[in-house]
Amino acid sequence: MVSKITEITIFESPDGGRTVYARKPGEETRHLRTNNESHDKERAEYERWMNIFNARRNNSALNDVCSQAEVLYELSKDSE
């Protein structure tokens, strides 16, 4: 019989180890774990773009520019 339960951390990676998240069993919230400097920079850039995307809701000029960027992105995908 086990008299003591050791705390367990679950590590998950959606991309084969490049990005690693940790969480406790039963929790939905996970925390980013990384020691990779280039990944940290990429993550910071991603967060900056997410802030821009979210800010467009309250800024019509920013919304227009984001819409144009989305069109350009879709057009560039088609040409690849």
C-alpha atoms as a PDB file:
ATOM      1  CA  MET A   1       0.000   0.000   0.000  1.00  0.00           C
ATOM      2  CA  VAL A   2       1.262   3.485  -0.863  1.00  0.00           C
ATOM      3  CA  SER A   3       1.305   5.774   2.144  1.00  0.00           C
ATOM      4  CA  LYS A   4       2.550   8.872   0.406  1.00  0.00           C
ATOM      5  CA  ILE A   5       1.648  10.279  -2.989  1.00  0.00           C
ATOM      6  CA  THR A   6       4.461  12.089  -4.722  1.00  0.00           C
ATOM      7  CA  GLU A   7       3.589  15.304  -6.529  1.00  0.00           C
ATOM      8  CA  ILE A   8       3.494  14.679 -10.256  1.00  0.00           C
ATOM      9  CA  THR A   9       4.020  17.132 -13.102  1.00  0.00           C
ATOM     10  CA  ILE A  10       2.727  16.326 -16.561  1.00  0.00           C
ATOM     11  CA  PHE A  11       4.781  17.684 -19.448  1.00  0.00           C
ATOM     12  CA  GLU A  12       3.076  18.122 -22.833  1.00  0.00           C
ATOM     13  CA  SER A  13       4.421  19.215 -26.179  1.00  0.00           C
ATOM     14  CA  PRO A  14       2.186  19.911 -29.177  1.00  0.00           C
ATOM     15  CA  ASP A  15       5.171  20.126 -31.547  1.00  0.00           C
ATOM     16  CA  GLY A  16       7.515  17.275 -30.711  1.00  0.00           C
ATOM     17  CA  GLY A  17       9.489  18.989 -27.960  1.00  0.00           C
ATOM     18  CA  ARG A  18      10.082  22.450 -29.365  1.00  0.00           C
ATOM     19  CA  THR A  19       7.431  23.902 -27.044  1.00  0.00           C
ATOM     20  CA  VAL A  20       6.938  22.230 -23.669  1.00  0.00           C
ATOM     21  CA  TYR A  21       4.106  22.903 -21.233  1.00  0.00           C
ATOM     22  CA  ALA A  22       3.802  21.652 -17.657  1.00  0.00           C
ATOM     23  CA  ARG A  23       0.669  21.127 -15.595  1.00  0.00           C
ATOM     24  CA  LYS A  24      -0.507  19.241 -12.529  1.00  0.00           C
ATOM     25  CA  PRO A  25      -2.852  16.260 -12.935  1.00  0.00           C
ATOM     26  CA  GLY A  26      -6.473  17.390 -13.096  1.00  0.00           C
ATOM     27  CA  GLU A  27      -5.575  20.994 -13.937  1.00  0.00           C
ATOM     28  CA  GLU A  28      -6.471  22.589 -17.244  1.00  0.00           C
ATOM     29  CA  THR A  29      -4.054  25.500 -16.896  1.00  0.00           C
ATOM     30  CA  ARG A  30      -0.604  24.729 -18.221  1.00  0.00           C
ATOM     31  CA  HIS A  31       2.592  26.756 -17.995  1.00  0.00           C
ATOM     32  CA  LEU A  32       5.192  27.205 -20.693  1.00  0.00           C
ATOM     33  CA  ARG A  33       8.568  25.657 -19.867  1.00  0.00           C
ATOM     34  CA  THR A  34      11.595  26.398 -22.022  1.00  0.00           C
ATOM     35  CA  ASN A  35      15.309  27.037 -21.839  1.00  0.00           C
ATOM     36  CA  ASN A  36      15.605  27.929 -25.501  1.00  0.00           C
ATOM     37  CA  GLU A  37      16.515  31.596 -26.103  1.00  0.00           C
ATOM     38  CA  SER A  38      15.355  31.611 -29.731  1.00  0.00           C
ATOM     39  CA  HIS A  39      12.051  30.087 -28.643  1.00  0.00           C
ATOM     40  CA  ASP A  40      11.681  32.805 -25.998  1.00  0.00           C
ATOM     41  CA  LYS A  41      12.130  35.475 -28.668  1.00  0.00           C
ATOM     42  CA  GLU A  42       9.647  33.740 -30.958  1.00  0.00           C
ATOM     43  CA  ARG A  43       7.150  33.469 -28.103  1.00  0.00           C
ATOM     44  CA  ALA A  44       7.550  37.197 -27.314  1.00  0.00           C
ATOM     45  CA  GLU A  45       6.911  38.035 -30.984  1.00  0.00           C
ATOM     46  CA  TYR A  46       3.837  35.797 -31.001  1.00  0.00           C
ATOM     47  CA  GLU A  47       2.487  37.501 -27.887  1.00  0.00           C
ATOM     48  CA  ARG A  48       3.108  40.943 -29.427  1.00  0.00           C
ATOM     49  CA  TRP A  49       1.119  39.980 -32.539  1.00  0.00           C
ATOM     50  CA  MET A  50      -1.683  38.573 -30.380  1.00  0.00           C
ATOM     51  CA  ASN A  51      -1.821  41.915 -28.537  1.00  0.00           C
ATOM     52  CA  ILE A  52      -2.032  43.731 -31.862  1.00  0.00           C
ATOM     53  CA  PHE A  53      -4.774  41.396 -33.053  1.00  0.00           C
ATOM     54  CA  ASN A  54      -6.769  41.875 -29.845  1.00  0.00           C
ATOM     55  CA  ALA A  55      -6.297  45.667 -29.904  1.00  0.00           C
ATOM     56  CA  ARG A  56      -7.876  45.885 -33.347  1.00  0.00           C
ATOM     57  CA  ARG A  57     -11.307  45.465 -31.751  1.00  0.00           C
ATOM     58  CA  ASN A  58     -11.083  48.985 -30.310  1.00  0.00           C
ATOM     59  CA  ASN A  59      -9.105  50.709 -33.064  1.00  0.00           C
ATOM     60  CA  SER A  60     -10.653  51.020 -36.536  1.00  0.00           C
ATOM     61  CA  ALA A  61      -7.379  52.050 -38.227  1.00  0.00           C
ATOM     62  CA  LEU A  62      -5.581  49.067 -36.715  1.00  0.00           C
ATOM     63  CA  ASN A  63      -8.489  46.838 -37.726  1.00  0.00           C
ATOM     64  CA  ASP A  64      -8.195  48.027 -41.343  1.00  0.00           C
ATOM     65  CA  VAL A  65      -4.458  47.341 -41.442  1.00  0.00           C
ATOM     66  CA  CYS A  66      -4.920  43.890 -39.868  1.00  0.00           C
ATOM     67  CA  SER A  67      -7.595  43.052 -42.441  1.00  0.00           C
ATOM     68  CA  GLN A  68      -5.215  44.059 -45.231  1.00  0.00           C
ATOM     69  CA  ALA A  69      -2.455  41.936 -43.678  1.00  0.00           C
ATOM     70  CA  GLU A  70      -4.828  38.956 -43.545  1.00  0.00           C
ATOM     71  CA  VAL A  71      -5.650  39.348 -47.243  1.00  0.00           C
ATOM     72  CA  LEU A  72      -1.964  39.636 -48.135  1.00  0.00           C
ATOM     73  CA  TYR A  73      -1.200  36.548 -46.059  1.00  0.00           C
ATOM     74  CA  GLU A  74      -3.910  34.491 -47.782  1.00  0.00           C
ATOM     75  CA  LEU A  75      -2.760  35.654 -51.212  1.00  0.00           C
ATOM     76  CA  SER A  76       0.850  34.762 -50.413  1.00  0.00           C
ATOM     77  CA  LYS A  77      -0.214  31.244 -49.349  1.00  0.00           C
ATOM     78  CA  ASP A  78      -1.886  30.720 -52.700  1.00  0.00           C
ATOM     79  CA  SER A  79       1.289  31.665 -54.603  1.00  0.00           C
ATOM     80  CA  GLU A  80       3.512  29.150 -52.783  1.00  0.00           C
END
